[in-house]
Amino acid sequence: MSAPAPPLASDLLAGLRRLKLAGVRHIAPEVCQTAKTQRWSPEELLRTLI
């Protein structure tokens, strides 16, 4: 079992809240952790979040 993903930085959470992206805000910590581990390109990270 893997460790829980670290929370997003407060400025990122605030930005996602302002943009009304609750779904992205919910999945972003895990997706960011996966992207970092698997060395995704920025485009792949954005594609997955969207």
Protein backbone atom coordinates (compact mmCIF):
# COMPACT_ATOMS: atom_id res chain seq x y z
CA MET A 1 0.00 0.00 0.00
CA SER A 2 1.39 3.39 -0.97
CA ALA A 3 1.63 6.45 1.24
CA PRO A 4 -1.10 9.06 0.90
CA ALA A 5 -0.34 11.89 -1.50
CA PRO A 6 0.87 15.12 0.12
CA PRO A 7 -1.69 17.94 0.03
CA LEU A 8 -1.47 20.69 -2.56
CA ALA A 9 0.08 24.01 -1.62
CA SER A 10 -2.41 26.53 -0.29
CA ASP A 11 -1.96 28.87 -3.27
CA LEU A 12 -2.80 26.06 -5.69
CA LEU A 13 -5.87 25.11 -3.67
CA ALA A 14 -6.99 28.73 -3.63
CA GLY A 15 -6.52 29.06 -7.38
CA LEU A 16 -8.46 25.89 -8.11
CA ARG A 17 -11.21 27.08 -5.76
CA ARG A 18 -11.36 30.47 -7.57
CA LEU A 19 -11.61 28.65 -10.90
CA LYS A 20 -14.36 26.42 -9.46
CA LEU A 21 -12.46 23.23 -10.29
CA ALA A 22 -13.56 21.07 -7.37
CA GLY A 23 -13.03 17.85 -9.31
CA VAL A 24 -9.46 18.76 -10.19
CA ARG A 25 -8.86 19.95 -6.63
CA HIS A 26 -10.01 16.56 -5.37
CA ILE A 27 -7.78 14.40 -7.63
CA ALA A 28 -4.78 16.73 -8.04
CA PRO A 29 -2.68 15.55 -5.07
CA GLU A 30 -2.71 11.92 -6.21
CA VAL A 31 -2.24 12.80 -9.89
CA CYS A 32 0.67 15.13 -9.06
CA GLN A 33 2.32 12.42 -6.98
CA THR A 34 1.95 9.92 -9.83
CA ALA A 35 3.25 12.46 -12.36
CA LYS A 36 6.33 13.15 -10.27
CA THR A 37 7.03 9.46 -9.69
CA GLN A 38 6.59 8.54 -13.35
CA ARG A 39 8.27 11.71 -14.66
CA TRP A 40 5.34 12.85 -16.76
CA SER A 41 5.70 15.84 -19.04
CA PRO A 42 3.77 18.95 -18.03
CA GLU A 43 1.41 18.35 -20.95
CA GLU A 44 0.62 14.83 -19.77
CA LEU A 45 -0.09 16.09 -16.25
CA LEU A 46 -2.46 18.74 -17.55
CA ARG A 47 -4.13 16.29 -19.93
CA THR A 48 -4.80 13.92 -17.03
CA LEU A 49 -6.15 16.63 -14.75
CA ILE A 50 -8.46 17.99 -17.43
